[in-house]
mmCIF file of all heavy atoms, coordinates in Angstrom:
data_MODEL
# 
_entry.id   MODEL 
# 
loop_
_atom_site.group_PDB 
_atom_site.id 
_atom_site.type_symbol 
_atom_site.label_atom_id 
_atom_site.label_alt_id 
_atom_site.label_comp_id 
_atom_site.label_asym_id 
_atom_site.label_entity_id 
_atom_site.label_seq_id 
_atom_site.pdbx_PDB_ins_code 
_atom_site.Cartn_x 
_atom_site.Cartn_y 
_atom_site.Cartn_z 
_atom_site.occupancy 
_atom_site.B_iso_or_equiv 
_atom_site.pdbx_formal_charge 
_atom_site.auth_seq_id 
_atom_site.auth_comp_id 
_atom_site.auth_asym_id 
_atom_site.auth_atom_id 
_atom_site.pdbx_PDB_model_num 
ATOM 1   N N   . HIS A 1 1  ? 113.145 104.566 116.025 1.00 0.00 ? 1  HIS A N   1 
ATOM 2   C CA  . HIS A 1 1  ? 112.994 103.330 115.259 1.00 0.00 ? 1  HIS A CA  1 
ATOM 3   C C   . HIS A 1 1  ? 111.854 103.424 114.256 1.00 0.00 ? 1  HIS A C   1 
ATOM 4   O O   . HIS A 1 1  ? 111.987 102.991 113.101 1.00 0.00 ? 1  HIS A O   1 
ATOM 5   C CB  . HIS A 1 1  ? 112.747 102.158 116.212 1.00 0.00 ? 1  HIS A CB  1 
ATOM 6   C CG  . HIS A 1 1  ? 113.989 101.616 116.842 1.00 0.00 ? 1  HIS A CG  1 
ATOM 7   N ND1 . HIS A 1 1  ? 114.875 100.810 116.165 1.00 0.00 ? 1  HIS A ND1 1 
ATOM 8   C CD2 . HIS A 1 1  ? 114.498 101.763 118.084 1.00 0.00 ? 1  HIS A CD2 1 
ATOM 9   C CE1 . HIS A 1 1  ? 115.871 100.465 116.958 1.00 0.00 ? 1  HIS A CE1 1 
ATOM 10  N NE2 . HIS A 1 1  ? 115.667 101.046 118.137 1.00 0.00 ? 1  HIS A NE2 1 
ATOM 11  N N   . ILE A 1 2  ? 110.733 103.995 114.675 1.00 0.00 ? 2  ILE A N   1 
ATOM 12  C CA  . ILE A 1 2  ? 109.588 104.085 113.772 1.00 0.00 ? 2  ILE A CA  1 
ATOM 13  C C   . ILE A 1 2  ? 109.859 105.082 112.658 1.00 0.00 ? 2  ILE A C   1 
ATOM 14  O O   . ILE A 1 2  ? 109.520 104.841 111.497 1.00 0.00 ? 2  ILE A O   1 
ATOM 15  C CB  . ILE A 1 2  ? 108.314 104.454 114.560 1.00 0.00 ? 2  ILE A CB  1 
ATOM 16  C CG1 . ILE A 1 2  ? 107.957 103.323 115.529 1.00 0.00 ? 2  ILE A CG1 1 
ATOM 17  C CG2 . ILE A 1 2  ? 107.145 104.716 113.609 1.00 0.00 ? 2  ILE A CG2 1 
ATOM 18  C CD1 . ILE A 1 2  ? 106.843 103.667 116.494 1.00 0.00 ? 2  ILE A CD1 1 
ATOM 19  N N   . ALA A 1 3  ? 110.467 106.212 112.989 1.00 0.00 ? 3  ALA A N   1 
ATOM 20  C CA  . ALA A 1 3  ? 110.791 107.200 111.963 1.00 0.00 ? 3  ALA A CA  1 
ATOM 21  C C   . ALA A 1 3  ? 111.716 106.588 110.913 1.00 0.00 ? 3  ALA A C   1 
ATOM 22  O O   . ALA A 1 3  ? 111.541 106.817 109.703 1.00 0.00 ? 3  ALA A O   1 
ATOM 23  C CB  . ALA A 1 3  ? 111.447 108.423 112.594 1.00 0.00 ? 3  ALA A CB  1 
ATOM 24  N N   . ARG A 1 4  ? 112.671 105.798 111.368 1.00 0.00 ? 4  ARG A N   1 
ATOM 25  C CA  . ARG A 1 4  ? 113.580 105.139 110.427 1.00 0.00 ? 4  ARG A CA  1 
ATOM 26  C C   . ARG A 1 4  ? 112.811 104.160 109.536 1.00 0.00 ? 4  ARG A C   1 
ATOM 27  O O   . ARG A 1 4  ? 113.044 104.081 108.328 1.00 0.00 ? 4  ARG A O   1 
ATOM 28  C CB  . ARG A 1 4  ? 114.670 104.396 111.198 1.00 0.00 ? 4  ARG A CB  1 
ATOM 29  C CG  . ARG A 1 4  ? 115.836 103.914 110.329 1.00 0.00 ? 4  ARG A CG  1 
ATOM 30  C CD  . ARG A 1 4  ? 116.896 103.231 111.173 1.00 0.00 ? 4  ARG A CD  1 
ATOM 31  N NE  . ARG A 1 4  ? 117.387 104.131 112.198 1.00 0.00 ? 4  ARG A NE  1 
ATOM 32  C CZ  . ARG A 1 4  ? 117.453 103.830 113.491 1.00 0.00 ? 4  ARG A CZ  1 
ATOM 33  N NH1 . ARG A 1 4  ? 117.013 102.657 113.931 1.00 0.00 ? 4  ARG A NH1 1 
ATOM 34  N NH2 . ARG A 1 4  ? 117.946 104.697 114.356 1.00 0.00 ? 4  ARG A NH2 1 
ATOM 35  N N   . ALA A 1 5  ? 111.872 103.427 110.134 1.00 0.00 ? 5  ALA A N   1 
ATOM 36  C CA  . ALA A 1 5  ? 111.083 102.462 109.359 1.00 0.00 ? 5  ALA A CA  1 
ATOM 37  C C   . ALA A 1 5  ? 110.167 103.161 108.361 1.00 0.00 ? 5  ALA A C   1 
ATOM 38  O O   . ALA A 1 5  ? 110.009 102.703 107.218 1.00 0.00 ? 5  ALA A O   1 
ATOM 39  C CB  . ALA A 1 5  ? 110.259 101.589 110.304 1.00 0.00 ? 5  ALA A CB  1 
ATOM 40  N N   . VAL A 1 6  ? 109.550 104.271 108.790 1.00 0.00 ? 6  VAL A N   1 
ATOM 41  C CA  . VAL A 1 6  ? 108.694 105.034 107.879 1.00 0.00 ? 6  VAL A CA  1 
ATOM 42  C C   . VAL A 1 6  ? 109.522 105.589 106.721 1.00 0.00 ? 6  VAL A C   1 
ATOM 43  O O   . VAL A 1 6  ? 109.116 105.530 105.555 1.00 0.00 ? 6  VAL A O   1 
ATOM 44  C CB  . VAL A 1 6  ? 107.968 106.170 108.619 1.00 0.00 ? 6  VAL A CB  1 
ATOM 45  C CG1 . VAL A 1 6  ? 107.243 107.081 107.633 1.00 0.00 ? 6  VAL A CG1 1 
ATOM 46  C CG2 . VAL A 1 6  ? 106.970 105.600 109.632 1.00 0.00 ? 6  VAL A CG2 1 
ATOM 47  N N   . GLY A 1 7  ? 110.673 106.137 107.039 1.00 0.00 ? 7  GLY A N   1 
ATOM 48  C CA  . GLY A 1 7  ? 111.538 106.688 106.003 1.00 0.00 ? 7  GLY A CA  1 
ATOM 49  C C   . GLY A 1 7  ? 111.940 105.639 104.982 1.00 0.00 ? 7  GLY A C   1 
ATOM 50  O O   . GLY A 1 7  ? 111.895 105.887 103.768 1.00 0.00 ? 7  GLY A O   1 
ATOM 51  N N   . ALA A 1 8  ? 112.305 104.457 105.471 1.00 0.00 ? 8  ALA A N   1 
ATOM 52  C CA  . ALA A 1 8  ? 112.699 103.384 104.556 1.00 0.00 ? 8  ALA A CA  1 
ATOM 53  C C   . ALA A 1 8  ? 111.533 102.936 103.704 1.00 0.00 ? 8  ALA A C   1 
ATOM 54  O O   . ALA A 1 8  ? 111.690 102.629 102.512 1.00 0.00 ? 8  ALA A O   1 
ATOM 55  C CB  . ALA A 1 8  ? 113.247 102.203 105.359 1.00 0.00 ? 8  ALA A CB  1 
ATOM 56  N N   . SER A 1 9  ? 110.318 102.909 104.299 1.00 0.00 ? 9  SER A N   1 
ATOM 57  C CA  . SER A 1 9  ? 109.141 102.460 103.573 1.00 0.00 ? 9  SER A CA  1 
ATOM 58  C C   . SER A 1 9  ? 108.737 103.459 102.490 1.00 0.00 ? 9  SER A C   1 
ATOM 59  O O   . SER A 1 9  ? 108.585 103.099 101.314 1.00 0.00 ? 9  SER A O   1 
ATOM 60  C CB  . SER A 1 9  ? 107.982 102.242 104.551 1.00 0.00 ? 9  SER A CB  1 
ATOM 61  O OG  . SER A 1 9  ? 106.829 101.791 103.888 1.00 0.00 ? 9  SER A OG  1 
ATOM 62  N N   . VAL A 1 10 ? 108.572 104.720 102.871 1.00 0.00 ? 10 VAL A N   1 
ATOM 63  C CA  . VAL A 1 10 ? 108.147 105.739 101.907 1.00 0.00 ? 10 VAL A CA  1 
ATOM 64  C C   . VAL A 1 10 ? 109.260 106.048 100.917 1.00 0.00 ? 10 VAL A C   1 
ATOM 65  O O   . VAL A 1 10 ? 109.005 106.280 99.725  1.00 0.00 ? 10 VAL A O   1 
ATOM 66  C CB  . VAL A 1 10 ? 107.696 107.015 102.641 1.00 0.00 ? 10 VAL A CB  1 
ATOM 67  C CG1 . VAL A 1 10 ? 107.223 108.069 101.648 1.00 0.00 ? 10 VAL A CG1 1 
ATOM 68  C CG2 . VAL A 1 10 ? 106.587 106.695 103.638 1.00 0.00 ? 10 VAL A CG2 1 
ATOM 69  N N   . GLY A 1 11 ? 110.487 106.052 101.406 1.00 0.00 ? 11 GLY A N   1 
ATOM 70  C CA  . GLY A 1 11 ? 111.610 106.370 100.535 1.00 0.00 ? 11 GLY A CA  1 
ATOM 71  C C   . GLY A 1 11 ? 111.852 105.359 99.443  1.00 0.00 ? 11 GLY A C   1 
ATOM 72  O O   . GLY A 1 11 ? 112.513 105.644 98.445  1.00 0.00 ? 11 GLY A O   1 
ATOM 73  N N   . SER A 1 12 ? 111.304 104.150 99.611  1.00 0.00 ? 12 SER A N   1 
ATOM 74  C CA  . SER A 1 12 ? 111.501 103.107 98.603  1.00 0.00 ? 12 SER A CA  1 
ATOM 75  C C   . SER A 1 12 ? 110.468 103.159 97.487  1.00 0.00 ? 12 SER A C   1 
ATOM 76  O O   . SER A 1 12 ? 110.579 102.435 96.500  1.00 0.00 ? 12 SER A O   1 
ATOM 77  C CB  . SER A 1 12 ? 111.452 101.726 99.267  1.00 0.00 ? 12 SER A CB  1 
ATOM 78  O OG  . SER A 1 12 ? 110.149 101.450 99.757  1.00 0.00 ? 12 SER A OG  1 
ATOM 79  N N   . ASP A 1 13 ? 109.443 104.010 97.651  1.00 0.00 ? 13 ASP A N   1 
ATOM 80  C CA  . ASP A 1 13 ? 108.409 104.100 96.618  1.00 0.00 ? 13 ASP A CA  1 
ATOM 81  C C   . ASP A 1 13 ? 109.020 104.609 95.312  1.00 0.00 ? 13 ASP A C   1 
ATOM 82  O O   . ASP A 1 13 ? 109.682 105.653 95.295  1.00 0.00 ? 13 ASP A O   1 
ATOM 83  C CB  . ASP A 1 13 ? 107.289 105.045 97.045  1.00 0.00 ? 13 ASP A CB  1 
ATOM 84  C CG  . ASP A 1 13 ? 106.450 104.484 98.172  1.00 0.00 ? 13 ASP A CG  1 
ATOM 85  O OD1 . ASP A 1 13 ? 106.569 103.275 98.446  1.00 0.00 ? 13 ASP A OD1 1 
ATOM 86  O OD2 . ASP A 1 13 ? 105.673 105.255 98.774  1.00 0.00 ? 13 ASP A OD2 1 
ATOM 87  N N   . PRO A 1 14 ? 108.808 103.919 94.209  1.00 0.00 ? 14 PRO A N   1 
ATOM 88  C CA  . PRO A 1 14 ? 109.362 104.378 92.931  1.00 0.00 ? 14 PRO A CA  1 
ATOM 89  C C   . PRO A 1 14 ? 108.591 105.564 92.380  1.00 0.00 ? 14 PRO A C   1 
ATOM 90  O O   . PRO A 1 14 ? 107.479 105.859 92.824  1.00 0.00 ? 14 PRO A O   1 
ATOM 91  C CB  . PRO A 1 14 ? 109.199 103.148 92.027  1.00 0.00 ? 14 PRO A CB  1 
ATOM 92  C CG  . PRO A 1 14 ? 108.048 102.400 92.607  1.00 0.00 ? 14 PRO A CG  1 
ATOM 93  C CD  . PRO A 1 14 ? 108.087 102.640 94.085  1.00 0.00 ? 14 PRO A CD  1 
ATOM 94  N N   . LEU A 1 15 ? 109.160 106.249 91.436  1.00 0.00 ? 15 LEU A N   1 
ATOM 95  C CA  . LEU A 1 15 ? 108.512 107.381 90.795  1.00 0.00 ? 15 LEU A CA  1 
ATOM 96  C C   . LEU A 1 15 ? 107.605 106.866 89.684  1.00 0.00 ? 15 LEU A C   1 
ATOM 97  O O   . LEU A 1 15 ? 108.007 106.042 88.871  1.00 0.00 ? 15 LEU A O   1 
ATOM 98  C CB  . LEU A 1 15 ? 109.564 108.338 90.214  1.00 0.00 ? 15 LEU A CB  1 
ATOM 99  C CG  . LEU A 1 15 ? 109.048 109.609 89.534  1.00 0.00 ? 15 LEU A CG  1 
ATOM 100 C CD1 . LEU A 1 15 ? 108.348 110.510 90.543  1.00 0.00 ? 15 LEU A CD1 1 
ATOM 101 C CD2 . LEU A 1 15 ? 110.203 110.359 88.862  1.00 0.00 ? 15 LEU A CD2 1 
ATOM 102 N N   . GLY A 1 16 ? 106.376 107.370 89.658  1.00 0.00 ? 16 GLY A N   1 
ATOM 103 C CA  . GLY A 1 16 ? 105.451 106.985 88.596  1.00 0.00 ? 16 GLY A CA  1 
ATOM 104 C C   . GLY A 1 16 ? 104.322 106.113 89.103  1.00 0.00 ? 16 GLY A C   1 
ATOM 105 O O   . GLY A 1 16 ? 104.535 105.167 89.856  1.00 0.00 ? 16 GLY A O   1 
ATOM 106 N N   . TRP A 1 17 ? 103.083 106.466 88.709  1.00 0.00 ? 17 TRP A N   1 
ATOM 107 C CA  . TRP A 1 17 ? 101.890 105.728 89.100  1.00 0.00 ? 17 TRP A CA  1 
ATOM 108 C C   . TRP A 1 17 ? 101.994 104.252 88.709  1.00 0.00 ? 17 TRP A C   1 
ATOM 109 O O   . TRP A 1 17 ? 101.807 103.361 89.524  1.00 0.00 ? 17 TRP A O   1 
ATOM 110 C CB  . TRP A 1 17 ? 100.679 106.376 88.436  1.00 0.00 ? 17 TRP A CB  1 
ATOM 111 C CG  . TRP A 1 17 ? 99.434  105.564 88.309  1.00 0.00 ? 17 TRP A CG  1 
ATOM 112 C CD1 . TRP A 1 17 ? 99.121  104.721 87.282  1.00 0.00 ? 17 TRP A CD1 1 
ATOM 113 C CD2 . TRP A 1 17 ? 98.325  105.519 89.211  1.00 0.00 ? 17 TRP A CD2 1 
ATOM 114 N NE1 . TRP A 1 17 ? 97.873  104.158 87.492  1.00 0.00 ? 17 TRP A NE1 1 
ATOM 115 C CE2 . TRP A 1 17 ? 97.375  104.629 88.670  1.00 0.00 ? 17 TRP A CE2 1 
ATOM 116 C CE3 . TRP A 1 17 ? 98.037  106.156 90.428  1.00 0.00 ? 17 TRP A CE3 1 
ATOM 117 C CZ2 . TRP A 1 17 ? 96.157  104.356 89.283  1.00 0.00 ? 17 TRP A CZ2 1 
ATOM 118 C CZ3 . TRP A 1 17 ? 96.820  105.879 91.036  1.00 0.00 ? 17 TRP A CZ3 1 
ATOM 119 C CH2 . TRP A 1 17 ? 95.904  104.997 90.483  1.00 0.00 ? 17 TRP A CH2 1 
ATOM 120 N N   . SER A 1 18 ? 102.290 103.976 87.442  1.00 0.00 ? 18 SER A N   1 
ATOM 121 C CA  . SER A 1 18 ? 102.301 102.595 86.964  1.00 0.00 ? 18 SER A CA  1 
ATOM 122 C C   . SER A 1 18 ? 103.393 101.779 87.635  1.00 0.00 ? 18 SER A C   1 
ATOM 123 O O   . SER A 1 18 ? 103.174 100.618 87.995  1.00 0.00 ? 18 SER A O   1 
ATOM 124 C CB  . SER A 1 18 ? 102.478 102.562 85.442  1.00 0.00 ? 18 SER A CB  1 
ATOM 125 O OG  . SER A 1 18 ? 103.669 103.218 85.057  1.00 0.00 ? 18 SER A OG  1 
ATOM 126 N N   . ARG A 1 19 ? 104.552 102.381 87.816  1.00 0.00 ? 19 ARG A N   1 
ATOM 127 C CA  . ARG A 1 19 ? 105.651 101.637 88.443  1.00 0.00 ? 19 ARG A CA  1 
ATOM 128 C C   . ARG A 1 19 ? 105.349 101.359 89.914  1.00 0.00 ? 19 ARG A C   1 
ATOM 129 O O   . ARG A 1 19 ? 105.654 100.277 90.424  1.00 0.00 ? 19 ARG A O   1 
ATOM 130 C CB  . ARG A 1 19 ? 106.952 102.427 88.300  1.00 0.00 ? 19 ARG A CB  1 
ATOM 131 C CG  . ARG A 1 19 ? 108.171 101.663 88.798  1.00 0.00 ? 19 ARG A CG  1 
ATOM 132 C CD  . ARG A 1 19 ? 109.455 102.371 88.432  1.00 0.00 ? 19 ARG A CD  1 
ATOM 133 N NE  . ARG A 1 19 ? 110.609 101.666 88.987  1.00 0.00 ? 19 ARG A NE  1 
ATOM 134 C CZ  . ARG A 1 19 ? 111.168 100.594 88.463  1.00 0.00 ? 19 ARG A CZ  1 
ATOM 135 N NH1 . ARG A 1 19 ? 110.659 100.087 87.354  1.00 0.00 ? 19 ARG A NH1 1 
ATOM 136 N NH2 . ARG A 1 19 ? 112.210 100.026 89.018  1.00 0.00 ? 19 ARG A NH2 1 
ATOM 137 N N   . THR A 1 20 ? 104.744 102.340 90.601  1.00 0.00 ? 20 THR A N   1 
ATOM 138 C CA  . THR A 1 20 ? 104.384 102.128 92.004  1.00 0.00 ? 20 THR A CA  1 
ATOM 139 C C   . THR A 1 20 ? 103.391 100.986 92.145  1.00 0.00 ? 20 THR A C   1 
ATOM 140 O O   . THR A 1 20 ? 103.528 100.115 93.011  1.00 0.00 ? 20 THR A O   1 
ATOM 141 C CB  . THR A 1 20 ? 103.787 103.410 92.605  1.00 0.00 ? 20 THR A CB  1 
ATOM 142 O OG1 . THR A 1 20 ? 104.762 104.453 92.550  1.00 0.00 ? 20 THR A OG1 1 
ATOM 143 C CG2 . THR A 1 20 ? 103.367 103.198 94.055  1.00 0.00 ? 20 THR A CG2 1 
ATOM 144 N N   . ILE A 1 21 ? 102.376 100.970 91.282  1.00 0.00 ? 21 ILE A N   1 
ATOM 145 C CA  . ILE A 1 21 ? 101.359 99.929  91.368  1.00 0.00 ? 21 ILE A CA  1 
ATOM 146 C C   . ILE A 1 21 ? 101.947 98.560  91.059  1.00 0.00 ? 21 ILE A C   1 
ATOM 147 O O   . ILE A 1 21 ? 101.672 97.577  91.751  1.00 0.00 ? 21 ILE A O   1 
ATOM 148 C CB  . ILE A 1 21 ? 100.191 100.249 90.417  1.00 0.00 ? 21 ILE A CB  1 
ATOM 149 C CG1 . ILE A 1 21 ? 99.355  101.397 90.995  1.00 0.00 ? 21 ILE A CG1 1 
ATOM 150 C CG2 . ILE A 1 21 ? 99.320  99.023  90.180  1.00 0.00 ? 21 ILE A CG2 1 
ATOM 151 C CD1 . ILE A 1 21 ? 98.187  101.798 90.136  1.00 0.00 ? 21 ILE A CD1 1 
ATOM 152 N N   . ARG A 1 22 ? 102.764 98.489  90.019  1.00 0.00 ? 22 ARG A N   1 
ATOM 153 C CA  . ARG A 1 22 ? 103.274 97.175  89.610  1.00 0.00 ? 22 ARG A CA  1 
ATOM 154 C C   . ARG A 1 22 ? 104.396 96.674  90.512  1.00 0.00 ? 22 ARG A C   1 
ATOM 155 O O   . ARG A 1 22 ? 104.538 95.464  90.716  1.00 0.00 ? 22 ARG A O   1 
ATOM 156 C CB  . ARG A 1 22 ? 103.774 97.235  88.161  1.00 0.00 ? 22 ARG A CB  1 
ATOM 157 C CG  . ARG A 1 22 ? 102.665 97.361  87.128  1.00 0.00 ? 22 ARG A CG  1 
ATOM 158 C CD  . ARG A 1 22 ? 103.190 97.027  85.739  1.00 0.00 ? 22 ARG A CD  1 
ATOM 159 N NE  . ARG A 1 22 ? 102.106 97.044  84.751  1.00 0.00 ? 22 ARG A NE  1 
ATOM 160 C CZ  . ARG A 1 22 ? 101.950 97.992  83.840  1.00 0.00 ? 22 ARG A CZ  1 
ATOM 161 N NH1 . ARG A 1 22 ? 102.788 99.025  83.798  1.00 0.00 ? 22 ARG A NH1 1 
ATOM 162 N NH2 . ARG A 1 22 ? 100.955 97.933  82.973  1.00 0.00 ? 22 ARG A NH2 1 
ATOM 163 N N   . HIS A 1 23 ? 105.195 97.580  91.071  1.00 0.00 ? 23 HIS A N   1 
ATOM 164 C CA  . HIS A 1 23 ? 106.365 97.154  91.840  1.00 0.00 ? 23 HIS A CA  1 
ATOM 165 C C   . HIS A 1 23 ? 106.171 97.266  93.349  1.00 0.00 ? 23 HIS A C   1 
ATOM 166 O O   . HIS A 1 23 ? 106.681 96.428  94.094  1.00 0.00 ? 23 HIS A O   1 
ATOM 167 C CB  . HIS A 1 23 ? 107.588 97.983  91.419  1.00 0.00 ? 23 HIS A CB  1 
ATOM 168 C CG  . HIS A 1 23 ? 108.077 97.657  90.050  1.00 0.00 ? 23 HIS A CG  1 
ATOM 169 N ND1 . HIS A 1 23 ? 109.187 96.865  89.815  1.00 0.00 ? 23 HIS A ND1 1 
ATOM 170 C CD2 . HIS A 1 23 ? 107.606 98.010  88.831  1.00 0.00 ? 23 HIS A CD2 1 
ATOM 171 C CE1 . HIS A 1 23 ? 109.375 96.741  88.510  1.00 0.00 ? 23 HIS A CE1 1 
ATOM 172 N NE2 . HIS A 1 23 ? 108.439 97.437  87.894  1.00 0.00 ? 23 HIS A NE2 1 
ATOM 173 N N   . GLN A 1 24 ? 105.453 98.302  93.801  1.00 0.00 ? 24 GLN A N   1 
ATOM 174 C CA  . GLN A 1 24 ? 105.353 98.536  95.236  1.00 0.00 ? 24 GLN A CA  1 
ATOM 175 C C   . GLN A 1 24 ? 104.189 97.786  95.878  1.00 0.00 ? 24 GLN A C   1 
ATOM 176 O O   . GLN A 1 24 ? 104.335 97.198  96.945  1.00 0.00 ? 24 GLN A O   1 
ATOM 177 C CB  . GLN A 1 24 ? 105.228 100.037 95.530  1.00 0.00 ? 24 GLN A CB  1 
ATOM 178 C CG  . GLN A 1 24 ? 105.439 100.405 96.985  1.00 0.00 ? 24 GLN A CG  1 
ATOM 179 C CD  . GLN A 1 24 ? 106.832 100.073 97.476  1.00 0.00 ? 24 GLN A CD  1 
ATOM 180 O OE1 . GLN A 1 24 ? 107.801 100.144 96.707  1.00 0.00 ? 24 GLN A OE1 1 
ATOM 181 N NE2 . GLN A 1 24 ? 106.958 99.686  98.732  1.00 0.00 ? 24 GLN A NE2 1 
ATOM 182 N N   . PHE A 1 25 ? 103.028 97.806  95.241  1.00 0.00 ? 25 PHE A N   1 
ATOM 183 C CA  . PHE A 1 25 ? 101.862 97.149  95.843  1.00 0.00 ? 25 PHE A CA  1 
ATOM 184 C C   . PHE A 1 25 ? 102.101 95.665  96.134  1.00 0.00 ? 25 PHE A C   1 
ATOM 185 O O   . PHE A 1 25 ? 101.725 95.182  97.200  1.00 0.00 ? 25 PHE A O   1 
ATOM 186 C CB  . PHE A 1 25 ? 100.631 97.328  94.940  1.00 0.00 ? 25 PHE A CB  1 
ATOM 187 C CG  . PHE A 1 25 ? 99.838  98.576  95.230  1.00 0.00 ? 25 PHE A CG  1 
ATOM 188 C CD1 . PHE A 1 25 ? 100.448 99.824  95.277  1.00 0.00 ? 25 PHE A CD1 1 
ATOM 189 C CD2 . PHE A 1 25 ? 98.480  98.511  95.464  1.00 0.00 ? 25 PHE A CD2 1 
ATOM 190 C CE1 . PHE A 1 25 ? 99.731  100.975 95.539  1.00 0.00 ? 25 PHE A CE1 1 
ATOM 191 C CE2 . PHE A 1 25 ? 97.733  99.657  95.734  1.00 0.00 ? 25 PHE A CE2 1 
ATOM 192 C CZ  . PHE A 1 25 ? 98.369  100.893 95.777  1.00 0.00 ? 25 PHE A CZ  1 
ATOM 193 N N   . PRO A 1 26 ? 102.733 94.899  95.229  1.00 0.00 ? 26 PRO A N   1 
ATOM 194 C CA  . PRO A 1 26 ? 102.896 93.467  95.505  1.00 0.00 ? 26 PRO A CA  1 
ATOM 195 C C   . PRO A 1 26 ? 103.816 93.167  96.687  1.00 0.00 ? 26 PRO A C   1 
ATOM 196 O O   . PRO A 1 26 ? 103.719 92.092  97.279  1.00 0.00 ? 26 PRO A O   1 
ATOM 197 C CB  . PRO A 1 26 ? 103.500 92.917  94.206  1.00 0.00 ? 26 PRO A CB  1 
ATOM 198 C CG  . PRO A 1 26 ? 103.192 93.938  93.171  1.00 0.00 ? 26 PRO A CG  1 
ATOM 199 C CD  . PRO A 1 26 ? 103.190 95.253  93.882  1.00 0.00 ? 26 PRO A CD  1 
ATOM 200 N N   . ARG A 1 27 ? 104.715 94.092  97.023  1.00 0.00 ? 27 ARG A N   1 
ATOM 201 C CA  . ARG A 1 27 ? 105.657 93.804  98.109  1.00 0.00 ? 27 ARG A CA  1 
ATOM 202 C C   . ARG A 1 27 ? 105.315 94.549  99.403  1.00 0.00 ? 27 ARG A C   1 
ATOM 203 O O   . ARG A 1 27 ? 106.072 94.482  100.368 1.00 0.00 ? 27 ARG A O   1 
ATOM 204 C CB  . ARG A 1 27 ? 107.078 94.131  97.672  1.00 0.00 ? 27 ARG A CB  1 
ATOM 205 C CG  . ARG A 1 27 ? 107.353 95.586  97.375  1.00 0.00 ? 27 ARG A CG  1 
ATOM 206 C CD  . ARG A 1 27 ? 108.709 95.777  96.731  1.00 0.00 ? 27 ARG A CD  1 
ATOM 207 N NE  . ARG A 1 27 ? 109.081 97.176  96.590  1.00 0.00 ? 27 ARG A NE  1 
ATOM 208 C CZ  . ARG A 1 27 ? 110.039 97.613  95.792  1.00 0.00 ? 27 ARG A CZ  1 
ATOM 209 N NH1 . ARG A 1 27 ? 110.709 96.757  95.043  1.00 0.00 ? 27 ARG A NH1 1 
ATOM 210 N NH2 . ARG A 1 27 ? 110.331 98.899  95.734  1.00 0.00 ? 27 ARG A NH2 1 
ATOM 211 N N   . ASP A 1 28 ? 104.189 95.205  99.422  1.00 0.00 ? 28 ASP A N   1 
ATOM 212 C CA  . ASP A 1 28 ? 103.794 96.004  100.587 1.00 0.00 ? 28 ASP A CA  1 
ATOM 213 C C   . ASP A 1 28 ? 103.191 95.100  101.665 1.00 0.00 ? 28 ASP A C   1 
ATOM 214 O O   . ASP A 1 28 ? 102.151 94.472  101.454 1.00 0.00 ? 28 ASP A O   1 
ATOM 215 C CB  . ASP A 1 28 ? 102.779 97.063  100.144 1.00 0.00 ? 28 ASP A CB  1 
ATOM 216 C CG  . ASP A 1 28 ? 102.610 98.176  101.153 1.00 0.00 ? 28 ASP A CG  1 
ATOM 217 O OD1 . ASP A 1 28 ? 102.820 97.918  102.351 1.00 0.00 ? 28 ASP A OD1 1 
ATOM 218 O OD2 . ASP A 1 28 ? 102.250 99.287  100.738 1.00 0.00 ? 28 ASP A OD2 1 
ATOM 219 N N   . ARG A 1 29 ? 103.811 95.029  102.822 1.00 0.00 ? 29 ARG A N   1 
ATOM 220 C CA  . ARG A 1 29 ? 103.281 94.209  103.920 1.00 0.00 ? 29 ARG A CA  1 
ATOM 221 C C   . ARG A 1 29 ? 101.912 94.691  104.373 1.00 0.00 ? 29 ARG A C   1 
ATOM 222 O O   . ARG A 1 29 ? 101.085 93.896  104.824 1.00 0.00 ? 29 ARG A O   1 
ATOM 223 C CB  . ARG A 1 29 ? 104.238 94.237  105.127 1.00 0.00 ? 29 ARG A CB  1 
ATOM 224 C CG  . ARG A 1 29 ? 105.457 93.351  105.002 1.00 0.00 ? 29 ARG A CG  1 
ATOM 225 C CD  . ARG A 1 29 ? 106.254 93.345  106.304 1.00 0.00 ? 29 ARG A CD  1 
ATOM 226 N NE  . ARG A 1 29 ? 105.501 92.764  107.405 1.00 0.00 ? 29 ARG A NE  1 
ATOM 227 C CZ  . ARG A 1 29 ? 105.161 93.416  108.518 1.00 0.00 ? 29 ARG A CZ  1 
ATOM 228 N NH1 . ARG A 1 29 ? 105.496 94.707  108.674 1.00 0.00 ? 29 ARG A NH1 1 
ATOM 229 N NH2 . ARG A 1 29 ? 104.485 92.807  109.474 1.00 0.00 ? 29 ARG A NH2 1 
# 
């Protein structure tokens, strides 16, 4: 279960510093 959750979390990170900061940081629990 945890491996699946980690995979979904890391796998959703977008490519690119600026895109990660603008899109991923605001939705990160």
